[in-house]
All heavy atoms as atom14 arrays in JSON, in Angstrom:
{
  "sequence": "TERSFRIFRLRGLWSQCLLLTGERREAAQAAVDAELDAMGAEPEGER",
  "atom14_mask": [
    [1, 1, 1, 1, 1, 1, 1, 0, 0, 0, 0, 0, 0, 0],
    [1, 1, 1, 1, 1, 1, 1, 1, 1, 0, 0, 0, 0, 0],
    [1, 1, 1, 1, 1, 1, 1, 1, 1, 1, 1, 0, 0, 0],
    [1, 1, 1, 1, 1, 1, 0, 0, 0, 0, 0, 0, 0, 0],
    [1, 1, 1, 1, 1, 1, 1, 1, 1, 1, 1, 0, 0, 0],
    [1, 1, 1, 1, 1, 1, 1, 1, 1, 1, 1, 0, 0, 0],
    [1, 1, 1, 1, 1, 1, 1, 1, 0, 0, 0, 0, 0, 0],
    [1, 1, 1, 1, 1, 1, 1, 1, 1, 1, 1, 0, 0, 0],
    [1, 1, 1, 1, 1, 1, 1, 1, 1, 1, 1, 0, 0, 0],
    [1, 1, 1, 1, 1, 1, 1, 1, 0, 0, 0, 0, 0, 0],
    [1, 1, 1, 1, 1, 1, 1, 1, 1, 1, 1, 0, 0, 0],
    [1, 1, 1, 1, 0, 0, 0, 0, 0, 0, 0, 0, 0, 0],
    [1, 1, 1, 1, 1, 1, 1, 1, 0, 0, 0, 0, 0, 0],
    [1, 1, 1, 1, 1, 1, 1, 1, 1, 1, 1, 1, 1, 1],
    [1, 1, 1, 1, 1, 1, 0, 0, 0, 0, 0, 0, 0, 0],
    [1, 1, 1, 1, 1, 1, 1, 1, 1, 0, 0, 0, 0, 0],
    [1, 1, 1, 1, 1, 1, 0, 0, 0, 0, 0, 0, 0, 0],
    [1, 1, 1, 1, 1, 1, 1, 1, 0, 0, 0, 0, 0, 0],
    [1, 1, 1, 1, 1, 1, 1, 1, 0, 0, 0, 0, 0, 0],
    [1, 1, 1, 1, 1, 1, 1, 1, 0, 0, 0, 0, 0, 0],
    [1, 1, 1, 1, 1, 1, 1, 0, 0, 0, 0, 0, 0, 0],
    [1, 1, 1, 1, 0, 0, 0, 0, 0, 0, 0, 0, 0, 0],
    [1, 1, 1, 1, 1, 1, 1, 1, 1, 0, 0, 0, 0, 0],
    [1, 1, 1, 1, 1, 1, 1, 1, 1, 1, 1, 0, 0, 0],
    [1, 1, 1, 1, 1, 1, 1, 1, 1, 1, 1, 0, 0, 0],
    [1, 1, 1, 1, 1, 1, 1, 1, 1, 0, 0, 0, 0, 0],
    [1, 1, 1, 1, 1, 0, 0, 0, 0, 0, 0, 0, 0, 0],
    [1, 1, 1, 1, 1, 0, 0, 0, 0, 0, 0, 0, 0, 0],
    [1, 1, 1, 1, 1, 1, 1, 1, 1, 0, 0, 0, 0, 0],
    [1, 1, 1, 1, 1, 0, 0, 0, 0, 0, 0, 0, 0, 0],
    [1, 1, 1, 1, 1, 0, 0, 0, 0, 0, 0, 0, 0, 0],
    [1, 1, 1, 1, 1, 1, 1, 0, 0, 0, 0, 0, 0, 0],
    [1, 1, 1, 1, 1, 1, 1, 1, 0, 0, 0, 0, 0, 0],
    [1, 1, 1, 1, 1, 0, 0, 0, 0, 0, 0, 0, 0, 0],
    [1, 1, 1, 1, 1, 1, 1, 1, 1, 0, 0, 0, 0, 0],
    [1, 1, 1, 1, 1, 1, 1, 1, 0, 0, 0, 0, 0, 0],
    [1, 1, 1, 1, 1, 1, 1, 1, 0, 0, 0, 0, 0, 0],
    [1, 1, 1, 1, 1, 0, 0, 0, 0, 0, 0, 0, 0, 0],
    [1, 1, 1, 1, 1, 1, 1, 1, 0, 0, 0, 0, 0, 0],
    [1, 1, 1, 1, 0, 0, 0, 0, 0, 0, 0, 0, 0, 0],
    [1, 1, 1, 1, 1, 0, 0, 0, 0, 0, 0, 0, 0, 0],
    [1, 1, 1, 1, 1, 1, 1, 1, 1, 0, 0, 0, 0, 0],
    [1, 1, 1, 1, 1, 1, 1, 0, 0, 0, 0, 0, 0, 0],
    [1, 1, 1, 1, 1, 1, 1, 1, 1, 0, 0, 0, 0, 0],
    [1, 1, 1, 1, 0, 0, 0, 0, 0, 0, 0, 0, 0, 0],
    [1, 1, 1, 1, 1, 1, 1, 1, 1, 0, 0, 0, 0, 0],
    [1, 1, 1, 1, 1, 1, 1, 1, 1, 1, 1, 0, 0, 0]
  ],
  "atom14_positions": [
    [[-6.93, 3.91, -16.76], [-7.78, 4.49, -15.74], [-7.96, 3.49, -14.6], [-7.91, 3.87, -13.4], [-9.15, 4.85, -16.36], [-8.94, 5.81, -17.39], [-10.08, 5.44, -15.32], [0.0, 0.0, 0.0], [0.0, 0.0, 0.0], [0.0, 0.0, 0.0], [0.0, 0.0, 0.0], [0.0, 0.0, 0.0], [0.0, 0.0, 0.0], [0.0, 0.0, 0.0]],
    [[-8.23, 2.25, -14.95], [-8.38, 1.21, -13.91], [-7.12, 1.04, -13.06], [-7.22, 0.93, -11.86], [-8.76, -0.15, -14.55], [-10.24, -0.25, -14.88], [-11.13, -0.16, -13.68], [-10.84, -0.81, -12.68], [-12.11, 0.56, -13.78], [0.0, 0.0, 0.0], [0.0, 0.0, 0.0], [0.0, 0.0, 0.0], [0.0, 0.0, 0.0], [0.0, 0.0, 0.0]],
    [[-5.97, 1.06, -13.74], [-4.68, 0.93, -12.99], [-4.47, 2.1, -12.08], [-4.12, 1.91, -10.89], [-3.54, 0.81, -14.01], [-2.18, 0.7, -13.36], [-1.07, 0.63, -14.41], [0.21, 0.54, -13.77], [0.96, 1.55, -13.34], [0.51, 2.81, -13.48], [2.14, 1.37, -12.78], [0.0, 0.0, 0.0], [0.0, 0.0, 0.0], [0.0, 0.0, 0.0]],
    [[-4.74, 3.29, -12.55], [-4.53, 4.51, -11.72], [-5.47, 4.48, -10.51], [-5.09, 4.81, -9.39], [-4.81, 5.77, -12.53], [-3.83, 5.9, -13.56], [0.0, 0.0, 0.0], [0.0, 0.0, 0.0], [0.0, 0.0, 0.0], [0.0, 0.0, 0.0], [0.0, 0.0, 0.0], [0.0, 0.0, 0.0], [0.0, 0.0, 0.0], [0.0, 0.0, 0.0]],
    [[-6.73, 4.07, -10.74], [-7.68, 4.04, -9.66], [-7.26, 2.93, -8.65], [-7.41, 3.12, -7.42], [-9.08, 3.82, -10.16], [-10.15, 3.96, -9.08], [-10.31, 5.18, -8.42], [-10.94, 2.92, -8.75], [-11.26, 5.32, -7.42], [-11.89, 3.04, -7.73], [-12.04, 4.25, -7.09], [0.0, 0.0, 0.0], [0.0, 0.0, 0.0], [0.0, 0.0, 0.0]],
    [[-6.78, 1.8, -9.13], [-6.35, 0.75, -8.21], [-5.16, 1.2, -7.36], [-5.12, 0.96, -6.17], [-5.98, -0.51, -8.99], [-5.59, -1.64, -8.15], [-5.59, -2.94, -8.95], [-4.91, -4.02, -8.25], [-5.41, -4.66, -7.18], [-6.58, -4.34, -6.69], [-4.69, -5.64, -6.63], [0.0, 0.0, 0.0], [0.0, 0.0, 0.0], [0.0, 0.0, 0.0]],
    [[-4.22, 1.93, -7.98], [-3.09, 2.47, -7.21], [-3.57, 3.47, -6.18], [-3.13, 3.45, -5.04], [-2.05, 3.1, -8.2], [-1.37, 2.0, -9.02], [-1.07, 3.95, -7.44], [-0.52, 2.51, -10.14], [0.0, 0.0, 0.0], [0.0, 0.0, 0.0], [0.0, 0.0, 0.0], [0.0, 0.0, 0.0], [0.0, 0.0, 0.0], [0.0, 0.0, 0.0]],
    [[-4.52, 4.32, -6.56], [-5.09, 5.3, -5.63], [-5.7, 4.55, -4.42], [-5.52, 4.96, -3.26], [-6.13, 6.12, -6.39], [-6.98, 6.99, -5.51], [-6.48, 8.2, -5.05], [-8.29, 6.67, -5.2], [-7.25, 9.05, -4.24], [-9.08, 7.49, -4.41], [-8.55, 8.67, -3.95], [0.0, 0.0, 0.0], [0.0, 0.0, 0.0], [0.0, 0.0, 0.0]],
    [[-6.47, 3.5, -4.67], [-7.12, 2.78, -3.58], [-6.09, 2.05, -2.72], [-6.25, 2.02, -1.5], [-8.12, 1.8, -4.14], [-9.35, 2.46, -4.69], [-10.39, 1.45, -5.11], [-9.78, 0.54, -6.1], [-10.41, -0.49, -6.57], [-11.63, -0.83, -6.18], [-9.79, -1.29, -7.44], [0.0, 0.0, 0.0], [0.0, 0.0, 0.0], [0.0, 0.0, 0.0]],
    [[-5.04, 1.53, -3.31], [-3.99, 0.87, -2.54], [-3.23, 1.85, -1.64], [-2.91, 1.55, -0.51], [-2.99, 0.13, -3.46], [-3.53, -1.19, -4.03], [-2.61, -1.66, -5.14], [-3.67, -2.25, -2.98], [0.0, 0.0, 0.0], [0.0, 0.0, 0.0], [0.0, 0.0, 0.0], [0.0, 0.0, 0.0], [0.0, 0.0, 0.0], [0.0, 0.0, 0.0]],
    [[-3.02, 3.05, -2.13], [-2.33, 4.04, -1.34], [-3.23, 4.48, -0.14], [-2.76, 4.69, 0.98], [-1.99, 5.29, -2.16], [-0.9, 4.97, -3.19], [-0.28, 6.23, -3.74], [0.56, 5.95, -4.91], [1.73, 5.38, -4.89], [2.25, 5.01, -3.75], [2.4, 5.18, -6.02], [0.0, 0.0, 0.0], [0.0, 0.0, 0.0], [0.0, 0.0, 0.0]],
    [[-4.54, 4.51, -0.36], [-5.47, 4.78, 0.73], [-5.44, 3.65, 1.73], [-5.51, 3.88, 2.97], [0.0, 0.0, 0.0], [0.0, 0.0, 0.0], [0.0, 0.0, 0.0], [0.0, 0.0, 0.0], [0.0, 0.0, 0.0], [0.0, 0.0, 0.0], [0.0, 0.0, 0.0], [0.0, 0.0, 0.0], [0.0, 0.0, 0.0], [0.0, 0.0, 0.0]],
    [[-5.37, 2.41, 1.26], [-5.33, 1.26, 2.17], [-4.05, 1.28, 3.0], [-4.06, 0.98, 4.18], [-5.43, -0.03, 1.32], [-5.34, -1.33, 2.09], [-6.52, -1.39, 3.08], [-5.39, -2.51, 1.14], [0.0, 0.0, 0.0], [0.0, 0.0, 0.0], [0.0, 0.0, 0.0], [0.0, 0.0, 0.0], [0.0, 0.0, 0.0], [0.0, 0.0, 0.0]],
    [[-2.93, 1.7, 2.36], [-1.67, 1.77, 3.09], [-1.86, 2.75, 4.26], [-1.39, 2.5, 5.36], [-0.57, 2.25, 2.15], [0.8, 2.11, 2.74], [1.66, 1.09, 2.58], [1.52, 3.11, 3.53], [2.86, 1.33, 3.22], [2.78, 2.56, 3.83], [1.2, 4.36, 4.01], [3.74, 3.24, 4.57], [2.14, 5.03, 4.77], [3.39, 4.49, 5.04]],
    [[-2.49, 3.85, 4.02], [-2.75, 4.85, 5.09], [-3.67, 4.28, 6.2], [-3.51, 4.58, 7.34], [-3.35, 6.15, 4.5], [-2.43, 6.72, 3.64], [0.0, 0.0, 0.0], [0.0, 0.0, 0.0], [0.0, 0.0, 0.0], [0.0, 0.0, 0.0], [0.0, 0.0, 0.0], [0.0, 0.0, 0.0], [0.0, 0.0, 0.0], [0.0, 0.0, 0.0]],
    [[-4.67, 3.51, 5.76], [-5.57, 2.92, 6.76], [-4.8, 1.9, 7.62], [-5.21, 1.66, 8.75], [-6.71, 2.19, 6.02], [-7.71, 3.17, 5.44], [-8.47, 3.92, 6.48], [-8.97, 3.38, 7.44], [-8.52, 5.23, 6.31], [0.0, 0.0, 0.0], [0.0, 0.0, 0.0], [0.0, 0.0, 0.0], [0.0, 0.0, 0.0], [0.0, 0.0, 0.0]],
    [[-3.73, 1.32, 7.13], [-2.96, 0.37, 7.89], [-2.33, 1.05, 9.11], [-1.95, 0.37, 10.08], [-1.86, -0.24, 7.03], [-2.44, -1.35, 5.77], [0.0, 0.0, 0.0], [0.0, 0.0, 0.0], [0.0, 0.0, 0.0], [0.0, 0.0, 0.0], [0.0, 0.0, 0.0], [0.0, 0.0, 0.0], [0.0, 0.0, 0.0], [0.0, 0.0, 0.0]],
    [[-2.23, 2.38, 9.11], [-1.68, 3.1, 10.27], [-2.51, 2.93, 11.5], [-2.05, 3.17, 12.61], [-1.48, 4.57, 9.9], [-0.46, 4.88, 8.82], [-0.49, 6.34, 8.46], [0.94, 4.5, 9.31], [0.0, 0.0, 0.0], [0.0, 0.0, 0.0], [0.0, 0.0, 0.0], [0.0, 0.0, 0.0], [0.0, 0.0, 0.0], [0.0, 0.0, 0.0]],
    [[-3.75, 2.53, 11.3], [-4.65, 2.31, 12.47], [-4.3, 0.99, 13.19], [-4.69, 0.84, 14.36], [-6.09, 2.23, 12.02], [-6.63, 3.49, 11.37], [-8.02, 3.27, 10.83], [-6.67, 4.63, 12.36], [0.0, 0.0, 0.0], [0.0, 0.0, 0.0], [0.0, 0.0, 0.0], [0.0, 0.0, 0.0], [0.0, 0.0, 0.0], [0.0, 0.0, 0.0]],
    [[-3.55, 0.13, 12.56], [-3.11, -1.1, 13.19], [-1.9, -0.84, 14.05], [-1.34, 0.26, 14.02], [-2.79, -2.12, 12.1], [-3.91, -2.51, 11.17], [-3.39, -3.41, 10.05], [-5.0, -3.25, 11.93], [0.0, 0.0, 0.0], [0.0, 0.0, 0.0], [0.0, 0.0, 0.0], [0.0, 0.0, 0.0], [0.0, 0.0, 0.0], [0.0, 0.0, 0.0]],
    [[-1.49, -1.8, 14.85], [-0.33, -1.66, 15.68], [0.7, -2.73, 15.44], [0.35, -3.83, 14.97], [-0.71, -1.69, 17.15], [-1.35, -2.92, 17.43], [-1.65, -0.54, 17.53], [0.0, 0.0, 0.0], [0.0, 0.0, 0.0], [0.0, 0.0, 0.0], [0.0, 0.0, 0.0], [0.0, 0.0, 0.0], [0.0, 0.0, 0.0], [0.0, 0.0, 0.0]],
    [[1.92, -2.42, 15.69], [3.03, -3.37, 15.7], [3.23, -4.16, 14.42], [3.28, -3.61, 13.33], [0.0, 0.0, 0.0], [0.0, 0.0, 0.0], [0.0, 0.0, 0.0], [0.0, 0.0, 0.0], [0.0, 0.0, 0.0], [0.0, 0.0, 0.0], [0.0, 0.0, 0.0], [0.0, 0.0, 0.0], [0.0, 0.0, 0.0], [0.0, 0.0, 0.0]],
    [[3.33, -5.49, 14.62], [3.64, -6.37, 13.5], [2.52, -6.39, 12.46], [2.8, -6.56, 11.27], [3.89, -7.78, 14.05], [5.12, -7.94, 14.88], [5.3, -9.33, 15.44], [4.54, -10.24, 15.02], [6.18, -9.48, 16.23], [0.0, 0.0, 0.0], [0.0, 0.0, 0.0], [0.0, 0.0, 0.0], [0.0, 0.0, 0.0], [0.0, 0.0, 0.0]],
    [[1.3, -6.23, 12.88], [0.17, -6.25, 11.93], [0.3, -5.07, 10.99], [0.07, -5.21, 9.77], [-1.15, -6.17, 12.66], [-1.5, -7.38, 13.41], [-2.85, -7.24, 14.08], [-3.12, -8.39, 14.94], [-3.86, -8.32, 15.98], [-4.47, -7.19, 16.32], [-4.07, -9.44, 16.72], [0.0, 0.0, 0.0], [0.0, 0.0, 0.0], [0.0, 0.0, 0.0]],
    [[0.67, -3.88, 11.53], [0.82, -2.71, 10.67], [1.94, -2.97, 9.64], [1.73, -2.71, 8.48], [1.15, -1.5, 11.53], [1.49, -0.27, 10.66], [2.09, 0.88, 11.42], [1.12, 1.36, 12.39], [1.39, 2.33, 13.29], [2.56, 2.87, 13.33], [0.51, 2.72, 14.13], [0.0, 0.0, 0.0], [0.0, 0.0, 0.0], [0.0, 0.0, 0.0]],
    [[3.07, -3.4, 10.12], [4.19, -3.65, 9.22], [3.84, -4.67, 8.14], [4.18, -4.48, 6.95], [5.4, -4.07, 10.03], [5.95, -3.01, 10.94], [6.99, -3.51, 11.9], [7.36, -4.72, 11.82], [7.41, -2.71, 12.76], [0.0, 0.0, 0.0], [0.0, 0.0, 0.0], [0.0, 0.0, 0.0], [0.0, 0.0, 0.0], [0.0, 0.0, 0.0]],
    [[3.17, -5.75, 8.53], [2.83, -6.8, 7.59], [1.84, -6.26, 6.54], [1.96, -6.56, 5.34], [2.26, -8.02, 8.33], [0.0, 0.0, 0.0], [0.0, 0.0, 0.0], [0.0, 0.0, 0.0], [0.0, 0.0, 0.0], [0.0, 0.0, 0.0], [0.0, 0.0, 0.0], [0.0, 0.0, 0.0], [0.0, 0.0, 0.0], [0.0, 0.0, 0.0]],
    [[0.82, -5.52, 7.0], [-0.16, -5.01, 6.06], [0.45, -3.99, 5.1], [0.16, -4.03, 3.92], [-1.34, -4.37, 6.86], [0.0, 0.0, 0.0], [0.0, 0.0, 0.0], [0.0, 0.0, 0.0], [0.0, 0.0, 0.0], [0.0, 0.0, 0.0], [0.0, 0.0, 0.0], [0.0, 0.0, 0.0], [0.0, 0.0, 0.0], [0.0, 0.0, 0.0]],
    [[1.27, -3.09, 5.64], [1.91, -2.11, 4.77], [2.89, -2.8, 3.8], [3.0, -2.36, 2.66], [2.63, -1.07, 5.61], [1.64, -0.11, 6.29], [2.35, 0.91, 7.13], [3.47, 0.72, 7.62], [1.64, 2.04, 7.38], [0.0, 0.0, 0.0], [0.0, 0.0, 0.0], [0.0, 0.0, 0.0], [0.0, 0.0, 0.0], [0.0, 0.0, 0.0]],
    [[3.59, -3.85, 4.24], [4.48, -4.55, 3.36], [3.68, -5.23, 2.23], [4.13, -5.27, 1.08], [5.3, -5.56, 4.13], [0.0, 0.0, 0.0], [0.0, 0.0, 0.0], [0.0, 0.0, 0.0], [0.0, 0.0, 0.0], [0.0, 0.0, 0.0], [0.0, 0.0, 0.0], [0.0, 0.0, 0.0], [0.0, 0.0, 0.0], [0.0, 0.0, 0.0]],
    [[2.52, -5.78, 2.54], [1.68, -6.42, 1.52], [1.18, -5.38, 0.51], [1.21, -5.65, -0.72], [0.5, -7.12, 2.2], [0.0, 0.0, 0.0], [0.0, 0.0, 0.0], [0.0, 0.0, 0.0], [0.0, 0.0, 0.0], [0.0, 0.0, 0.0], [0.0, 0.0, 0.0], [0.0, 0.0, 0.0], [0.0, 0.0, 0.0], [0.0, 0.0, 0.0]],
    [[0.76, -4.22, 1.01], [0.32, -3.18, 0.08], [1.51, -2.66, -0.79], [1.36, -2.51, -2.01], [-0.34, -2.01, 0.82], [-0.63, -0.84, -0.12], [-1.6, -2.48, 1.5], [0.0, 0.0, 0.0], [0.0, 0.0, 0.0], [0.0, 0.0, 0.0], [0.0, 0.0, 0.0], [0.0, 0.0, 0.0], [0.0, 0.0, 0.0], [0.0, 0.0, 0.0]],
    [[2.68, -2.49, -0.13], [3.83, -2.07, -0.91], [4.26, -3.11, -1.96], [4.64, -2.75, -3.08], [5.02, -1.8, 0.03], [4.98, -0.44, 0.67], [4.23, 0.42, 0.16], [5.68, -0.25, 1.69], [0.0, 0.0, 0.0], [0.0, 0.0, 0.0], [0.0, 0.0, 0.0], [0.0, 0.0, 0.0], [0.0, 0.0, 0.0], [0.0, 0.0, 0.0]],
    [[4.14, -4.36, -1.63], [4.47, -5.43, -2.59], [3.48, -5.4, -3.76], [3.89, -5.58, -4.91], [4.43, -6.8, -1.91], [0.0, 0.0, 0.0], [0.0, 0.0, 0.0], [0.0, 0.0, 0.0], [0.0, 0.0, 0.0], [0.0, 0.0, 0.0], [0.0, 0.0, 0.0], [0.0, 0.0, 0.0], [0.0, 0.0, 0.0], [0.0, 0.0, 0.0]],
    [[2.24, -5.16, -3.49], [1.23, -5.05, -4.54], [1.49, -3.88, -5.45], [1.43, -3.98, -6.7], [-0.17, -4.98, -3.95], [-1.3, -5.01, -4.93], [-1.5, -6.33, -5.63], [-1.04, -7.35, -5.07], [-2.06, -6.33, -6.73], [0.0, 0.0, 0.0], [0.0, 0.0, 0.0], [0.0, 0.0, 0.0], [0.0, 0.0, 0.0], [0.0, 0.0, 0.0]],
    [[1.82, -2.73, -4.84], [2.15, -1.55, -5.66], [3.38, -1.82, -6.52], [3.42, -1.39, -7.67], [2.36, -0.35, -4.74], [1.06, 0.28, -4.11], [1.48, 1.27, -3.01], [0.28, 0.95, -5.2], [0.0, 0.0, 0.0], [0.0, 0.0, 0.0], [0.0, 0.0, 0.0], [0.0, 0.0, 0.0], [0.0, 0.0, 0.0], [0.0, 0.0, 0.0]],
    [[4.39, -2.43, -5.92], [5.62, -2.72, -6.62], [5.32, -3.67, -7.82], [5.87, -3.49, -8.87], [6.64, -3.33, -5.67], [8.04, -3.3, -6.28], [8.38, -2.35, -6.99], [8.81, -4.24, -6.01], [0.0, 0.0, 0.0], [0.0, 0.0, 0.0], [0.0, 0.0, 0.0], [0.0, 0.0, 0.0], [0.0, 0.0, 0.0], [0.0, 0.0, 0.0]],
    [[4.47, -4.65, -7.59], [4.11, -5.57, -8.63], [3.39, -4.89, -9.78], [3.48, -5.32, -10.94], [3.25, -6.72, -8.07], [0.0, 0.0, 0.0], [0.0, 0.0, 0.0], [0.0, 0.0, 0.0], [0.0, 0.0, 0.0], [0.0, 0.0, 0.0], [0.0, 0.0, 0.0], [0.0, 0.0, 0.0], [0.0, 0.0, 0.0], [0.0, 0.0, 0.0]],
    [[2.67, -3.81, -9.47], [1.96, -3.06, -10.5], [2.87, -2.06, -11.21], [2.45, -1.46, -12.18], [0.8, -2.29, -9.87], [-0.31, -3.18, -9.38], [-1.65, -2.23, -8.69], [-2.29, -1.49, -10.17], [0.0, 0.0, 0.0], [0.0, 0.0, 0.0], [0.0, 0.0, 0.0], [0.0, 0.0, 0.0], [0.0, 0.0, 0.0], [0.0, 0.0, 0.0]],
    [[4.09, -1.96, -10.73], [5.01, -1.02, -11.38], [4.95, 0.4, -10.82], [5.54, 1.31, -11.36], [0.0, 0.0, 0.0], [0.0, 0.0, 0.0], [0.0, 0.0, 0.0], [0.0, 0.0, 0.0], [0.0, 0.0, 0.0], [0.0, 0.0, 0.0], [0.0, 0.0, 0.0], [0.0, 0.0, 0.0], [0.0, 0.0, 0.0], [0.0, 0.0, 0.0]],
    [[4.26, 0.58, -9.68], [4.12, 1.87, -9.05], [5.16, 1.98, -7.93], [5.64, 0.94, -7.41], [2.73, 2.07, -8.49], [0.0, 0.0, 0.0], [0.0, 0.0, 0.0], [0.0, 0.0, 0.0], [0.0, 0.0, 0.0], [0.0, 0.0, 0.0], [0.0, 0.0, 0.0], [0.0, 0.0, 0.0], [0.0, 0.0, 0.0], [0.0, 0.0, 0.0]],
    [[5.48, 3.2, -7.55], [6.4, 3.38, -6.43], [5.7, 2.95, -5.09], [4.6, 3.4, -4.83], [6.78, 4.86, -6.34], [7.74, 5.15, -5.24], [8.09, 6.67, -5.16], [7.35, 7.44, -5.72], [9.08, 6.95, -4.51], [0.0, 0.0, 0.0], [0.0, 0.0, 0.0], [0.0, 0.0, 0.0], [0.0, 0.0, 0.0], [0.0, 0.0, 0.0]],
    [[6.36, 2.1, -4.32], [5.77, 1.68, -3.03], [5.5, 2.88, -2.15], [6.31, 3.86, -2.1], [6.81, 0.75, -2.43], [7.54, 0.24, -3.62], [7.6, 1.37, -4.6], [0.0, 0.0, 0.0], [0.0, 0.0, 0.0], [0.0, 0.0, 0.0], [0.0, 0.0, 0.0], [0.0, 0.0, 0.0], [0.0, 0.0, 0.0], [0.0, 0.0, 0.0]],
    [[4.39, 2.85, -1.44], [4.02, 3.97, -0.62], [4.99, 4.26, 0.5], [5.21, 5.38, 0.88], [2.59, 3.74, -0.05], [2.02, 4.91, 0.7], [1.79, 6.12, -0.16], [1.78, 6.02, -1.36], [1.58, 7.17, 0.45], [0.0, 0.0, 0.0], [0.0, 0.0, 0.0], [0.0, 0.0, 0.0], [0.0, 0.0, 0.0], [0.0, 0.0, 0.0]],
    [[5.62, 3.24, 1.01], [6.61, 3.4, 2.09], [7.78, 4.24, 1.6], [8.29, 5.14, 2.33], [0.0, 0.0, 0.0], [0.0, 0.0, 0.0], [0.0, 0.0, 0.0], [0.0, 0.0, 0.0], [0.0, 0.0, 0.0], [0.0, 0.0, 0.0], [0.0, 0.0, 0.0], [0.0, 0.0, 0.0], [0.0, 0.0, 0.0], [0.0, 0.0, 0.0]],
    [[8.19, 4.04, 0.35], [9.28, 4.84, -0.23], [8.82, 6.25, -0.48], [9.58, 7.23, -0.28], [9.75, 4.21, -1.55], [10.51, 2.93, -1.38], [10.91, 2.28, -2.69], [10.91, 3.0, -3.72], [11.25, 1.08, -2.7], [0.0, 0.0, 0.0], [0.0, 0.0, 0.0], [0.0, 0.0, 0.0], [0.0, 0.0, 0.0], [0.0, 0.0, 0.0]],
    [[7.56, 6.43, -0.91], [7.05, 7.77, -1.11], [6.98, 8.56, 0.16], [7.32, 9.74, 0.23], [5.64, 7.7, -1.73], [5.59, 7.37, -3.2], [4.19, 7.31, -3.68], [3.48, 8.54, -3.3], [2.58, 9.15, -4.04], [2.26, 8.67, -5.22], [1.96, 10.19, -3.61], [0.0, 0.0, 0.0], [0.0, 0.0, 0.0], [0.0, 0.0, 0.0]]
  ]
}
């Protein structure tokens, strides 16, 4: 349950990164994707 909720929150954070611009957006989304990948979930960028 904790893992699922953490993945849910990270996917929401990835969407919030769309409010950023340029390199900041890419860096933030890459960090969230790396965290999702480390948890064994499909990265949001791929989804």
